[in-house]
Every structure is written in structure tokens, then in C-alpha cells.
Amino acid sequence: MQTGGKRVRVVISASPVSSPLSPSLMNDETASLSFVKLHCLDVNSEALIDTGARVGTILMHKIPSKYRNIRPANGSLIAANNQRLHCSGYVFFLPVQINGYLYVQKFYVVRDLRFDCIVSQDFVFEHQCRLDYKDLMLH
């Protein structure tokens, strides 16, 4: 995704990840995509691992009310299919858990996302994650 022509750096801090990947937790149309289970307090989500996305995104109803302090965002988000996504703003310090590891990440809040959440390339690069398709793991 792009943000109005500006590169946006997602801030993440935590330890390495090792989490099972699912070729698809969604449906036949998304069978070639990889997802991990993501937890934010008591809200469970299926997060798409998208190494082409520049920013992380999440649906509003997947954010616990305690963290719904949405900050305004300038510009717009463009999806991989070149459609403009309606961005309500962003949540700067959203604690998410993947396979028992806690991360704090900035997510842009969108209402027209096909997935619960998208984990972006910055997450993968920052933590030097490796997508292991043979064993279906995120290391």
C-alpha cells in the first residue's frame, strides 16, 4: 500500500516471531495467501502477511475499545488492486500478540479492508522474519 505518495515507517518493537502460517484461514479465493492468528487483548483476528504492503492496516471492530483513540492521517491508502481505501486515521501503539510474543505496532484503520488485519513489510523486515512455506511457519 502507498500513503498519498509518502513513505510511512511503521514503528514496531518486540522479540522474534515463530508462528504457524495457514495457507488460508479465509476462503478458496485467498488460498494462495498466508495468514497468522493475531490477538489484541480479547479480540482475535486473522492477519494477512503482506510483504508488499508498506503500512499495517486493521478494521475498526478488531481494535479493543480501550485503544480506539484514532489519530488523523493525511493522505489516502491505495490497495494492491489500485483501489482507494477509506482511512479513518491510525492507532499508534496497538499491542498485538502473535504466537505468544507481544508487539506494539502502528496500524491504519480502514473500513473497506477484505481482511481483519494486514501485517506489513516493515514488520517482516524489522524482525527479520522468514516466511517458511514448506513448514508453513513465520520465523
N, C-alpha and C. Protein backbone atom coordinates (compact mmCIF):
# COMPACT_ATOMS: atom_id res chain seq x y z
N MET A 1 0.83 -1.19 0.00
CA MET A 1 0.00 0.00 0.00
C MET A 1 0.87 1.24 0.00
N GLN A 2 0.33 2.30 -0.53
CA GLN A 2 1.01 3.57 -0.53
C GLN A 2 0.20 4.54 0.32
N THR A 3 0.84 5.56 0.82
CA THR A 3 0.11 6.58 1.57
C THR A 3 0.31 7.91 0.88
N GLY A 4 -0.61 8.25 0.01
CA GLY A 4 -0.61 9.54 -0.65
C GLY A 4 0.73 9.96 -1.21
N GLY A 5 1.56 9.03 -1.69
CA GLY A 5 2.85 9.36 -2.25
C GLY A 5 3.95 9.46 -1.21
N LYS A 6 3.62 9.38 0.08
CA LYS A 6 4.62 9.47 1.13
C LYS A 6 4.94 8.08 1.67
N ARG A 7 6.22 7.84 1.94
CA ARG A 7 6.61 6.57 2.57
C ARG A 7 6.38 6.72 4.06
N VAL A 8 5.72 5.74 4.64
CA VAL A 8 5.41 5.77 6.06
C VAL A 8 6.13 4.63 6.74
N ARG A 9 6.85 4.91 7.80
CA ARG A 9 7.57 3.88 8.55
C ARG A 9 6.68 3.44 9.71
N VAL A 10 6.45 2.13 9.80
CA VAL A 10 5.66 1.58 10.88
C VAL A 10 6.59 1.30 12.05
N VAL A 11 6.24 1.75 13.24
CA VAL A 11 7.06 1.56 14.42
C VAL A 11 6.65 0.27 15.12
N ILE A 12 7.61 -0.62 15.30
CA ILE A 12 7.35 -1.91 15.94
C ILE A 12 8.49 -2.17 16.92
N SER A 13 8.19 -2.78 18.05
CA SER A 13 9.26 -3.20 18.94
C SER A 13 8.86 -4.49 19.63
N ALA A 14 9.74 -5.48 19.57
CA ALA A 14 9.50 -6.76 20.26
C ALA A 14 10.58 -7.75 19.90
N SER A 15 10.36 -9.01 20.30
CA SER A 15 11.32 -10.07 20.05
C SER A 15 10.91 -10.88 18.83
N PRO A 16 11.77 -11.82 18.38
CA PRO A 16 11.48 -12.60 17.18
C PRO A 16 10.18 -13.39 17.26
N VAL A 17 9.65 -13.73 16.10
CA VAL A 17 8.37 -14.43 15.99
C VAL A 17 8.60 -15.84 15.47
N SER A 18 7.80 -16.77 15.89
CA SER A 18 7.70 -18.07 15.26
C SER A 18 6.24 -18.46 15.38
N SER A 19 5.54 -18.43 14.29
CA SER A 19 4.10 -18.64 14.32
C SER A 19 3.66 -19.48 13.14
N PRO A 20 2.71 -20.40 13.35
CA PRO A 20 2.24 -21.19 12.22
C PRO A 20 1.51 -20.33 11.20
N LEU A 21 1.79 -20.59 9.95
CA LEU A 21 1.08 -19.93 8.86
C LEU A 21 -0.04 -20.84 8.41
N SER A 22 -1.08 -20.26 7.92
CA SER A 22 -2.14 -21.03 7.29
C SER A 22 -2.20 -20.60 5.84
N PRO A 23 -2.18 -21.54 4.90
CA PRO A 23 -2.29 -21.13 3.51
C PRO A 23 -3.53 -20.28 3.30
N SER A 24 -4.57 -20.54 4.05
CA SER A 24 -5.74 -19.68 4.02
C SER A 24 -6.64 -19.97 5.20
N LEU A 25 -6.94 -18.95 5.95
CA LEU A 25 -7.93 -19.06 7.00
C LEU A 25 -9.23 -18.42 6.53
N MET A 26 -9.25 -17.98 5.29
CA MET A 26 -10.39 -17.23 4.80
C MET A 26 -11.28 -18.07 3.88
N ASN A 27 -10.93 -18.21 2.61
CA ASN A 27 -11.77 -18.96 1.67
C ASN A 27 -10.95 -19.39 0.46
N ASP A 28 -11.56 -20.05 -0.51
CA ASP A 28 -10.84 -20.54 -1.69
C ASP A 28 -10.21 -19.42 -2.50
N GLU A 29 -10.83 -18.24 -2.50
CA GLU A 29 -10.31 -17.11 -3.27
C GLU A 29 -8.96 -16.64 -2.74
N THR A 30 -8.70 -16.82 -1.45
CA THR A 30 -7.45 -16.36 -0.84
C THR A 30 -6.52 -17.52 -0.53
N ALA A 31 -6.69 -18.66 -1.17
CA ALA A 31 -5.94 -19.87 -0.84
C ALA A 31 -4.44 -19.73 -1.02
N SER A 32 -3.96 -18.84 -1.87
CA SER A 32 -2.52 -18.70 -2.07
C SER A 32 -1.89 -17.68 -1.11
N LEU A 33 -2.67 -17.12 -0.21
CA LEU A 33 -2.16 -16.12 0.73
C LEU A 33 -1.83 -16.76 2.07
N SER A 34 -1.02 -16.07 2.88
CA SER A 34 -0.62 -16.59 4.18
C SER A 34 -1.14 -15.72 5.30
N PHE A 35 -1.67 -16.37 6.33
CA PHE A 35 -2.26 -15.67 7.47
C PHE A 35 -1.66 -16.20 8.77
N VAL A 36 -1.68 -15.37 9.81
CA VAL A 36 -1.35 -15.80 11.17
C VAL A 36 -2.48 -15.34 12.07
N LYS A 37 -2.63 -16.01 13.19
CA LYS A 37 -3.60 -15.59 14.19
C LYS A 37 -2.98 -14.44 14.98
N LEU A 38 -3.75 -13.37 15.15
CA LEU A 38 -3.29 -12.18 15.84
C LEU A 38 -4.30 -11.87 16.94
N HIS A 39 -3.82 -11.54 18.13
CA HIS A 39 -4.69 -11.24 19.26
C HIS A 39 -4.37 -9.84 19.78
N CYS A 40 -5.42 -9.09 20.07
CA CYS A 40 -5.27 -7.78 20.68
C CYS A 40 -6.23 -7.75 21.86
N LEU A 41 -5.69 -7.93 23.06
CA LEU A 41 -6.47 -8.12 24.27
C LEU A 41 -7.41 -9.30 24.06
N ASP A 42 -8.72 -9.09 24.10
CA ASP A 42 -9.65 -10.19 23.93
C ASP A 42 -10.23 -10.29 22.51
N VAL A 43 -9.65 -9.57 21.57
CA VAL A 43 -10.13 -9.59 20.18
C VAL A 43 -9.18 -10.43 19.33
N ASN A 44 -9.71 -11.47 18.72
CA ASN A 44 -8.92 -12.34 17.86
C ASN A 44 -9.13 -11.96 16.40
N SER A 45 -8.05 -12.05 15.63
CA SER A 45 -8.10 -11.69 14.22
C SER A 45 -7.28 -12.67 13.39
N GLU A 46 -7.54 -12.65 12.10
CA GLU A 46 -6.74 -13.38 11.14
C GLU A 46 -5.96 -12.30 10.38
N ALA A 47 -4.64 -12.30 10.51
CA ALA A 47 -3.82 -11.26 9.89
C ALA A 47 -3.14 -11.79 8.63
N LEU A 48 -3.31 -11.07 7.54
CA LEU A 48 -2.64 -11.39 6.29
C LEU A 48 -1.19 -10.92 6.40
N ILE A 49 -0.24 -11.77 6.06
CA ILE A 49 1.17 -11.38 5.97
C ILE A 49 1.37 -10.87 4.55
N ASP A 50 1.59 -9.57 4.39
CA ASP A 50 1.72 -8.97 3.07
C ASP A 50 3.04 -8.22 2.98
N THR A 51 4.05 -8.88 2.41
CA THR A 51 5.38 -8.27 2.32
C THR A 51 5.44 -7.14 1.31
N GLY A 52 4.36 -6.94 0.55
CA GLY A 52 4.31 -5.82 -0.39
C GLY A 52 3.63 -4.60 0.19
N ALA A 53 2.96 -4.76 1.33
CA ALA A 53 2.26 -3.63 1.96
C ALA A 53 3.27 -2.77 2.72
N ARG A 54 3.17 -1.48 2.56
CA ARG A 54 4.10 -0.57 3.26
C ARG A 54 3.63 -0.18 4.64
N VAL A 55 2.35 -0.33 4.91
CA VAL A 55 1.81 0.01 6.24
C VAL A 55 0.87 -1.10 6.70
N GLY A 56 0.77 -1.27 8.00
CA GLY A 56 -0.18 -2.22 8.57
C GLY A 56 -1.55 -1.59 8.62
N THR A 57 -2.58 -2.40 8.38
CA THR A 57 -3.95 -1.91 8.42
C THR A 57 -4.81 -2.85 9.25
N ILE A 58 -5.90 -2.30 9.79
CA ILE A 58 -6.79 -3.10 10.62
C ILE A 58 -8.21 -2.53 10.52
N LEU A 59 -9.19 -3.40 10.68
CA LEU A 59 -10.59 -2.97 10.72
C LEU A 59 -10.91 -2.41 12.10
N MET A 60 -11.74 -1.39 12.17
CA MET A 60 -12.08 -0.74 13.44
C MET A 60 -12.61 -1.72 14.47
N HIS A 61 -13.50 -2.63 14.08
CA HIS A 61 -14.11 -3.53 15.06
C HIS A 61 -13.13 -4.57 15.59
N LYS A 62 -11.91 -4.63 15.04
CA LYS A 62 -10.88 -5.53 15.54
C LYS A 62 -9.96 -4.84 16.55
N ILE A 63 -10.26 -3.58 16.85
CA ILE A 63 -9.48 -2.82 17.84
C ILE A 63 -10.30 -2.76 19.12
N PRO A 64 -9.74 -3.23 20.25
CA PRO A 64 -10.48 -3.11 21.52
C PRO A 64 -10.79 -1.65 21.82
N SER A 65 -11.94 -1.39 22.42
CA SER A 65 -12.38 -0.01 22.67
C SER A 65 -11.35 0.79 23.45
N LYS A 66 -10.59 0.15 24.30
CA LYS A 66 -9.55 0.82 25.09
C LYS A 66 -8.51 1.51 24.20
N TYR A 67 -8.33 1.01 22.98
CA TYR A 67 -7.29 1.53 22.07
C TYR A 67 -7.87 2.27 20.86
N ARG A 68 -9.11 2.67 20.93
CA ARG A 68 -9.74 3.33 19.78
C ARG A 68 -9.52 4.83 19.73
N ASN A 69 -8.43 5.31 20.27
CA ASN A 69 -8.06 6.71 20.16
C ASN A 69 -7.40 6.90 18.79
N ILE A 70 -8.24 7.15 17.79
CA ILE A 70 -7.77 7.22 16.41
C ILE A 70 -7.21 8.61 16.12
N ARG A 71 -5.97 8.64 15.64
CA ARG A 71 -5.33 9.90 15.27
C ARG A 71 -5.58 10.15 13.79
N PRO A 72 -5.75 11.42 13.42
CA PRO A 72 -6.00 11.71 12.00
C PRO A 72 -4.78 11.35 11.13
N ALA A 73 -5.04 10.96 9.90
CA ALA A 73 -3.97 10.63 8.96
C ALA A 73 -4.13 11.48 7.71
N ASN A 74 -3.02 12.00 7.22
CA ASN A 74 -3.03 12.77 5.97
C ASN A 74 -2.84 11.82 4.80
N GLY A 75 -3.48 12.12 3.70
CA GLY A 75 -3.34 11.29 2.51
C GLY A 75 -4.34 10.15 2.51
N SER A 76 -4.16 9.23 1.58
CA SER A 76 -5.05 8.09 1.48
C SER A 76 -4.24 6.83 1.25
N LEU A 77 -4.88 5.70 1.42
CA LEU A 77 -4.22 4.43 1.21
C LEU A 77 -4.70 3.84 -0.11
N ILE A 78 -3.77 3.29 -0.85
CA ILE A 78 -4.08 2.65 -2.12
C ILE A 78 -3.77 1.16 -1.97
N ALA A 79 -4.75 0.31 -2.26
CA ALA A 79 -4.58 -1.14 -2.15
C ALA A 79 -3.80 -1.66 -3.35
N ALA A 80 -3.39 -2.92 -3.27
CA ALA A 80 -2.63 -3.56 -4.35
C ALA A 80 -3.40 -3.55 -5.67
N ASN A 81 -4.73 -3.55 -5.61
CA ASN A 81 -5.54 -3.51 -6.84
C ASN A 81 -5.83 -2.08 -7.30
N ASN A 82 -5.10 -1.11 -6.73
CA ASN A 82 -5.20 0.32 -7.05
C ASN A 82 -6.50 0.97 -6.61
N GLN A 83 -7.28 0.32 -5.76
CA GLN A 83 -8.48 0.95 -5.22
C GLN A 83 -8.10 1.76 -3.98
N ARG A 84 -8.74 2.91 -3.85
CA ARG A 84 -8.52 3.77 -2.70
C ARG A 84 -9.28 3.21 -1.50
N LEU A 85 -8.61 3.13 -0.36
CA LEU A 85 -9.23 2.65 0.87
C LEU A 85 -9.59 3.83 1.74
N HIS A 86 -10.76 3.80 2.35
CA HIS A 86 -11.16 4.86 3.27
C HIS A 86 -10.39 4.65 4.57
N CYS A 87 -9.57 5.61 4.92
CA CYS A 87 -8.74 5.54 6.13
C CYS A 87 -9.31 6.50 7.18
N SER A 88 -9.70 5.95 8.32
CA SER A 88 -10.24 6.76 9.41
C SER A 88 -9.14 7.46 10.20
N GLY A 89 -7.91 7.00 10.06
CA GLY A 89 -6.78 7.52 10.81
C GLY A 89 -5.89 6.36 11.20
N TYR A 90 -5.16 6.51 12.30
CA TYR A 90 -4.30 5.43 12.73
C TYR A 90 -4.26 5.30 14.24
N VAL A 91 -3.92 4.10 14.68
CA VAL A 91 -3.70 3.81 16.09
C VAL A 91 -2.20 3.62 16.22
N PHE A 92 -1.56 4.44 17.06
CA PHE A 92 -0.10 4.43 17.10
C PHE A 92 0.48 3.27 17.89
N PHE A 93 0.00 3.01 19.08
CA PHE A 93 0.58 1.96 19.92
C PHE A 93 -0.45 0.88 20.19
N LEU A 94 -0.72 0.04 19.21
CA LEU A 94 -1.67 -1.04 19.37
C LEU A 94 -0.91 -2.32 19.74
N PRO A 95 -1.14 -2.85 20.95
CA PRO A 95 -0.44 -4.07 21.33
C PRO A 95 -1.11 -5.29 20.68
N VAL A 96 -0.33 -6.05 19.94
CA VAL A 96 -0.84 -7.27 19.30
C VAL A 96 0.06 -8.43 19.69
N GLN A 97 -0.55 -9.60 19.72
CA GLN A 97 0.19 -10.79 20.10
C GLN A 97 0.12 -11.80 18.97
N ILE A 98 1.30 -12.31 18.58
CA ILE A 98 1.39 -13.38 17.59
C ILE A 98 2.21 -14.49 18.22
N ASN A 99 1.60 -15.66 18.36
CA ASN A 99 2.27 -16.83 18.91
C ASN A 99 2.94 -16.56 20.26
N GLY A 100 2.28 -15.82 21.12
CA GLY A 100 2.79 -15.57 22.46
C GLY A 100 3.75 -14.40 22.59
N TYR A 101 4.17 -13.81 21.48
CA TYR A 101 5.07 -12.65 21.52
C TYR A 101 4.24 -11.37 21.39
N LEU A 102 4.56 -10.39 22.20
CA LEU A 102 3.82 -9.13 22.20
C LEU A 102 4.57 -8.09 21.38
N TYR A 103 3.84 -7.41 20.50
CA TYR A 103 4.38 -6.36 19.64
C TYR A 103 3.53 -5.12 19.80
N VAL A 104 4.14 -3.97 19.63
CA VAL A 104 3.39 -2.72 19.61
C VAL A 104 3.59 -2.14 18.22
N GLN A 105 2.50 -1.95 17.51
CA GLN A 105 2.59 -1.54 16.12
C GLN A 105 1.60 -0.45 15.80
N LYS A 106 1.97 0.36 14.84
CA LYS A 106 1.08 1.38 14.30
C LYS A 106 0.25 0.72 13.20
N PHE A 107 -1.07 0.88 13.28
CA PHE A 107 -1.98 0.36 12.26
C PHE A 107 -2.85 1.48 11.74
N TYR A 108 -3.04 1.54 10.44
CA TYR A 108 -4.01 2.44 9.86
C TYR A 108 -5.37 1.76 9.92
N VAL A 109 -6.38 2.50 10.31
CA VAL A 109 -7.72 1.96 10.49
C VAL A 109 -8.51 2.21 9.21
N VAL A 110 -8.97 1.13 8.60
CA VAL A 110 -9.74 1.23 7.36
C VAL A 110 -11.06 0.50 7.51
N ARG A 111 -12.06 0.92 6.76
CA ARG A 111 -13.37 0.27 6.89
C ARG A 111 -13.68 -0.66 5.73
N ASP A 112 -12.93 -0.57 4.65
CA ASP A 112 -13.24 -1.37 3.47
C ASP A 112 -12.13 -2.37 3.15
N LEU A 113 -11.56 -2.97 4.17
CA LEU A 113 -10.49 -3.94 4.02
C LEU A 113 -11.09 -5.34 3.89
N ARG A 114 -10.54 -6.16 3.02
CA ARG A 114 -11.04 -7.52 2.82
C ARG A 114 -10.64 -8.46 3.95
N PHE A 115 -9.64 -8.07 4.73
CA PHE A 115 -9.10 -8.92 5.79
C PHE A 115 -9.23 -8.21 7.13
N ASP A 116 -9.17 -8.96 8.22
CA ASP A 116 -9.22 -8.35 9.55
C ASP A 116 -8.08 -7.36 9.74
N CYS A 117 -6.90 -7.77 9.29
CA CYS A 117 -5.69 -7.02 9.56
C CYS A 117 -4.65 -7.38 8.50
N ILE A 118 -3.78 -6.44 8.17
CA ILE A 118 -2.64 -6.73 7.29
C ILE A 118 -1.37 -6.37 8.05
N VAL A 119 -0.49 -7.35 8.16
CA VAL A 119 0.84 -7.14 8.75
C VAL A 119 1.76 -6.81 7.58
N SER A 120 2.43 -5.66 7.65
CA SER A 120 3.16 -5.12 6.51
C SER A 120 4.63 -5.57 6.44
N GLN A 121 5.29 -5.13 5.36
CA GLN A 121 6.69 -5.45 5.14
C GLN A 121 7.60 -4.91 6.25
N ASP A 122 7.25 -3.78 6.85
CA ASP A 122 8.10 -3.24 7.92
C ASP A 122 8.19 -4.20 9.10
N PHE A 123 7.10 -4.87 9.41
CA PHE A 123 7.10 -5.87 10.48
C PHE A 123 8.06 -7.00 10.12
N VAL A 124 7.93 -7.50 8.90
CA VAL A 124 8.76 -8.61 8.45
C VAL A 124 10.23 -8.21 8.42
N PHE A 125 10.55 -7.03 7.91
CA PHE A 125 11.94 -6.57 7.82
C PHE A 125 12.52 -6.24 9.19
N GLU A 126 11.76 -5.53 10.01
CA GLU A 126 12.24 -5.12 11.34
C GLU A 126 12.65 -6.32 12.18
N HIS A 127 11.88 -7.37 12.09
CA HIS A 127 12.15 -8.56 12.91
C HIS A 127 12.85 -9.66 12.14
N GLN A 128 13.29 -9.33 10.93
CA GLN A 128 14.00 -10.28 10.07
C GLN A 128 13.27 -11.61 10.00
N CYS A 129 11.96 -11.51 9.81
CA CYS A 129 11.13 -12.71 9.73
C CYS A 129 11.41 -13.47 8.45
N ARG A 130 11.23 -14.74 8.54
CA ARG A 130 11.37 -15.61 7.39
C ARG A 130 10.06 -16.35 7.20
N LEU A 131 9.52 -16.27 6.00
CA LEU A 131 8.30 -16.99 5.67
C LEU A 131 8.70 -18.37 5.14
N ASP A 132 8.39 -19.40 5.88
CA ASP A 132 8.76 -20.76 5.54
C ASP A 132 7.51 -21.46 5.00
N TYR A 133 7.39 -21.51 3.68
CA TYR A 133 6.20 -22.10 3.08
C TYR A 133 6.21 -23.63 3.13
N LYS A 134 7.41 -24.21 3.25
CA LYS A 134 7.48 -25.67 3.34
C LYS A 134 6.81 -26.15 4.62
N ASP A 135 7.17 -25.53 5.75
CA ASP A 135 6.62 -25.93 7.05
C ASP A 135 5.48 -25.03 7.50
N LEU A 136 5.09 -24.06 6.66
CA LEU A 136 4.03 -23.11 6.97
C LEU A 136 4.25 -22.43 8.31
N MET A 137 5.40 -21.76 8.43
CA MET A 137 5.75 -21.05 9.66
C MET A 137 6.27 -19.66 9.33
N LEU A 138 6.05 -18.74 10.25
CA LEU A 138 6.65 -17.41 10.21
C LEU A 138 7.70 -17.43 11.32
N HIS A 139 8.99 -17.31 10.95
CA HIS A 139 10.07 -17.35 11.93
C HIS A 139 10.64 -15.95 12.11
